[in-house]
Amino acid sequence: MALAVAVATVILDQATKIWALQALTPGEPIDLVGRFLRLNLIRNPGAAFSIGNQATWVLTIVAVGVLVVILASLHRLGHRGWAICLGLILGGALGNLIDRFLREPGVGRGHVVDMIDYGGLFIGNVADIAIVVAAAVIAILAWRGIGLDGTRAHTRVGSTTGGGESS
């Protein structure tokens, strides 16, 4: 399931980027919900909020590291929510990594195509949405004590201590 979600995320992300590059003009935003939500095409060399503009190659290395960790974790999945979340993060990271490798100014330094402007606070893309949604759901799963393997925190604690104490 995680891989299917990842593939769907990458396809949706790349399709919206292709559309944005063809339909939008940089510097000419289109209001969707007033100025609160707009389409506004930019090419982002950095991370969220354009952090790290001068270190694009570092962001590329971090993204590759995230992919390796997620791929190594897939065999431990035992919960549908975790599978969807890891698929969203994997797909989001891959979507932006494709830009880093295939877009100008060059391999490992490519600028990410962003087009969804959130009231001038930041501009993102579908990959970013996937990553943020996954992070929010992971926080909920962790708060509820649901592990990657699907077991609950109280179940894991009880199984590692050999059960309850006798009096």
Protein backbone atom coordinates (compact mmCIF):
# COMPACT_ATOMS: atom_id res chain seq x y z
CA MET A 1 0.00 0.00 0.00
CA ALA A 2 2.82 2.44 0.86
CA LEU A 3 4.39 2.02 -2.57
CA ALA A 4 1.05 2.55 -4.33
CA VAL A 5 0.46 5.76 -2.35
CA ALA A 6 4.01 6.90 -3.18
CA VAL A 7 3.56 6.27 -6.90
CA ALA A 8 0.18 8.07 -6.94
CA THR A 9 1.71 11.02 -5.06
CA VAL A 10 4.64 11.31 -7.47
CA ILE A 11 2.34 11.13 -10.51
CA LEU A 12 -0.02 13.80 -9.11
CA ASP A 13 2.89 16.01 -8.05
CA GLN A 14 4.71 15.81 -11.37
CA ALA A 15 1.49 16.24 -13.37
CA THR A 16 0.61 19.43 -11.48
CA LYS A 17 4.15 20.75 -11.97
CA ILE A 18 4.00 20.07 -15.72
CA TRP A 19 0.62 21.80 -15.85
CA ALA A 20 1.88 24.78 -13.81
CA LEU A 21 4.91 25.25 -16.06
CA GLN A 22 2.63 25.33 -19.11
CA ALA A 23 -0.29 27.33 -17.72
CA LEU A 24 1.21 29.81 -15.25
CA THR A 25 3.56 32.75 -15.68
CA PRO A 26 6.06 33.60 -12.93
CA GLY A 27 5.15 36.88 -11.24
CA GLU A 28 1.51 36.74 -12.38
CA PRO A 29 -0.44 35.07 -9.53
CA ILE A 30 -4.00 33.89 -10.04
CA ASP A 31 -6.32 34.32 -7.06
CA LEU A 32 -8.34 31.24 -6.14
CA VAL A 33 -9.68 32.35 -2.75
CA GLY A 34 -8.81 36.02 -2.71
CA ARG A 35 -5.20 36.53 -1.70
CA PHE A 36 -5.45 33.70 0.83
CA LEU A 37 -4.93 30.97 -1.77
CA ARG A 38 -3.38 31.62 -5.16
CA LEU A 39 -1.58 29.95 -8.00
CA ASN A 40 1.83 31.57 -8.21
CA LEU A 41 4.62 29.83 -10.15
CA ILE A 42 8.14 29.94 -8.73
CA ARG A 43 11.24 27.77 -8.97
CA ASN A 44 12.52 27.19 -5.45
CA PRO A 45 16.22 26.37 -4.94
CA GLY A 46 15.71 25.90 -1.18
CA ALA A 47 13.51 23.98 1.21
CA ALA A 48 10.31 25.15 2.90
CA PHE A 49 10.14 28.92 3.21
CA SER A 50 13.11 29.03 0.77
CA ILE A 51 15.48 28.02 3.56
CA GLY A 52 18.83 26.74 2.30
CA ASN A 53 18.84 28.47 -1.08
CA GLN A 54 22.63 28.28 -1.22
CA ALA A 55 22.81 24.60 -0.18
CA THR A 56 20.54 22.83 -2.66
CA TRP A 57 22.91 19.86 -2.87
CA VAL A 58 22.60 19.36 0.92
CA LEU A 59 18.81 19.20 0.57
CA THR A 60 19.25 16.60 -2.16
CA ILE A 61 21.43 14.45 0.13
CA VAL A 62 18.91 14.79 2.99
CA ALA A 63 16.05 13.77 0.68
CA VAL A 64 17.97 10.70 -0.47
CA GLY A 65 18.62 9.82 3.19
CA VAL A 66 14.90 10.12 3.97
CA LEU A 67 14.10 7.79 1.07
CA VAL A 68 16.60 5.20 2.30
CA VAL A 69 15.19 5.27 5.85
CA ILE A 70 11.60 4.95 4.63
CA LEU A 71 12.40 2.15 2.22
CA ALA A 72 14.24 0.30 5.00
CA SER A 73 11.18 0.68 7.26
CA LEU A 74 8.57 -0.61 4.82
CA HIS A 75 9.01 -4.27 5.81
CA ARG A 76 8.02 -3.42 9.42
CA LEU A 77 4.68 -1.85 8.47
CA GLY A 78 1.69 -3.37 10.21
CA HIS A 79 -0.78 -0.49 10.21
CA ARG A 80 -2.66 1.03 7.30
CA GLY A 81 -2.30 4.60 8.60
CA TRP A 82 1.48 4.24 8.82
CA ALA A 83 1.59 2.72 5.33
CA ILE A 84 -0.33 5.66 3.89
CA CYS A 85 1.82 8.18 5.76
CA LEU A 86 5.12 6.62 4.72
CA GLY A 87 3.80 6.40 1.16
CA LEU A 88 2.93 10.10 1.23
CA ILE A 89 6.35 11.05 2.59
CA LEU A 90 8.10 8.76 0.12
CA GLY A 91 6.08 10.15 -2.78
CA GLY A 92 6.53 13.74 -1.64
CA ALA A 93 10.27 13.35 -1.19
CA LEU A 94 10.56 11.62 -4.58
CA GLY A 95 8.46 14.30 -6.27
CA ASN A 96 10.74 17.08 -5.09
CA LEU A 97 13.85 14.95 -5.60
CA ILE A 98 12.91 14.46 -9.25
CA ASP A 99 13.01 18.25 -9.58
CA ARG A 100 16.38 18.38 -7.81
CA PHE A 101 17.84 15.89 -10.29
CA LEU A 102 16.12 16.83 -13.55
CA ARG A 103 15.49 20.57 -13.48
CA GLU A 104 17.77 23.55 -14.01
CA PRO A 105 20.37 24.57 -12.99
CA GLY A 106 21.70 21.00 -12.87
CA VAL A 107 21.79 17.53 -11.37
CA GLY A 108 21.47 17.60 -7.60
CA ARG A 109 20.95 21.38 -7.65
CA GLY A 110 17.69 21.63 -9.59
CA HIS A 111 15.01 24.04 -8.45
CA VAL A 112 11.70 22.64 -7.23
CA VAL A 113 8.58 23.85 -9.04
CA ASP A 114 6.15 25.42 -6.55
CA MET A 115 2.78 26.94 -7.43
CA ILE A 116 0.37 26.91 -4.48
CA ASP A 117 0.66 30.24 -2.64
CA TYR A 118 -0.75 30.26 0.89
CA GLY A 119 -1.53 33.92 1.50
CA GLY A 120 2.00 35.01 0.80
CA LEU A 121 3.35 32.95 3.73
CA PHE A 122 4.93 30.34 1.53
CA ILE A 123 4.51 28.70 -1.87
CA GLY A 124 4.47 24.92 -2.18
CA ASN A 125 3.36 22.03 -4.34
CA VAL A 126 1.52 18.70 -4.11
CA ALA A 127 4.62 16.94 -2.76
CA ASP A 128 4.77 19.44 0.09
CA ILE A 129 1.09 18.89 0.88
CA ALA A 130 1.66 15.12 1.00
CA ILE A 131 4.58 15.50 3.41
CA VAL A 132 2.71 17.91 5.72
CA VAL A 133 -0.44 15.76 5.81
CA ALA A 134 1.66 12.68 6.56
CA ALA A 135 3.51 14.48 9.37
CA ALA A 136 0.21 15.54 10.95
CA VAL A 137 -1.23 12.01 10.79
CA ILE A 138 2.03 10.53 12.13
CA ALA A 139 1.75 12.90 15.10
CA ILE A 140 -1.78 11.60 15.74
CA LEU A 141 -0.66 7.97 15.39
CA ALA A 142 2.21 8.57 17.81
CA TRP A 143 -0.09 10.40 20.25
CA ARG A 144 -2.46 7.42 20.14
CA GLY A 145 0.50 5.10 20.78
CA ILE A 146 0.22 3.22 17.50
CA GLY A 147 3.57 1.86 16.38
CA LEU A 148 4.84 1.31 12.86
CA ASP A 149 4.09 -2.39 13.25
CA GLY A 150 0.50 -1.66 14.29
CA THR A 151 0.86 -2.50 17.96
CA ARG A 152 -0.17 -0.06 20.66
CA ALA A 153 2.34 1.38 23.13
CA HIS A 154 0.75 -0.35 26.13
CA THR A 155 0.85 -3.69 24.28
CA ARG A 156 4.53 -3.27 23.41
CA VAL A 157 5.43 -2.33 27.00
CA GLY A 158 3.55 -5.30 28.41
CA SER A 159 5.11 -7.76 25.97
CA THR A 160 8.68 -6.60 26.65
CA THR A 161 8.33 -6.75 30.44
CA GLY A 162 6.75 -10.19 30.45
CA GLY A 163 3.33 -8.96 31.50
CA GLY A 164 2.08 -7.54 34.76
CA GLU A 165 3.60 -8.04 38.18
CA SER A 166 2.03 -10.38 40.68
CA SER A 167 1.39 -9.35 44.29
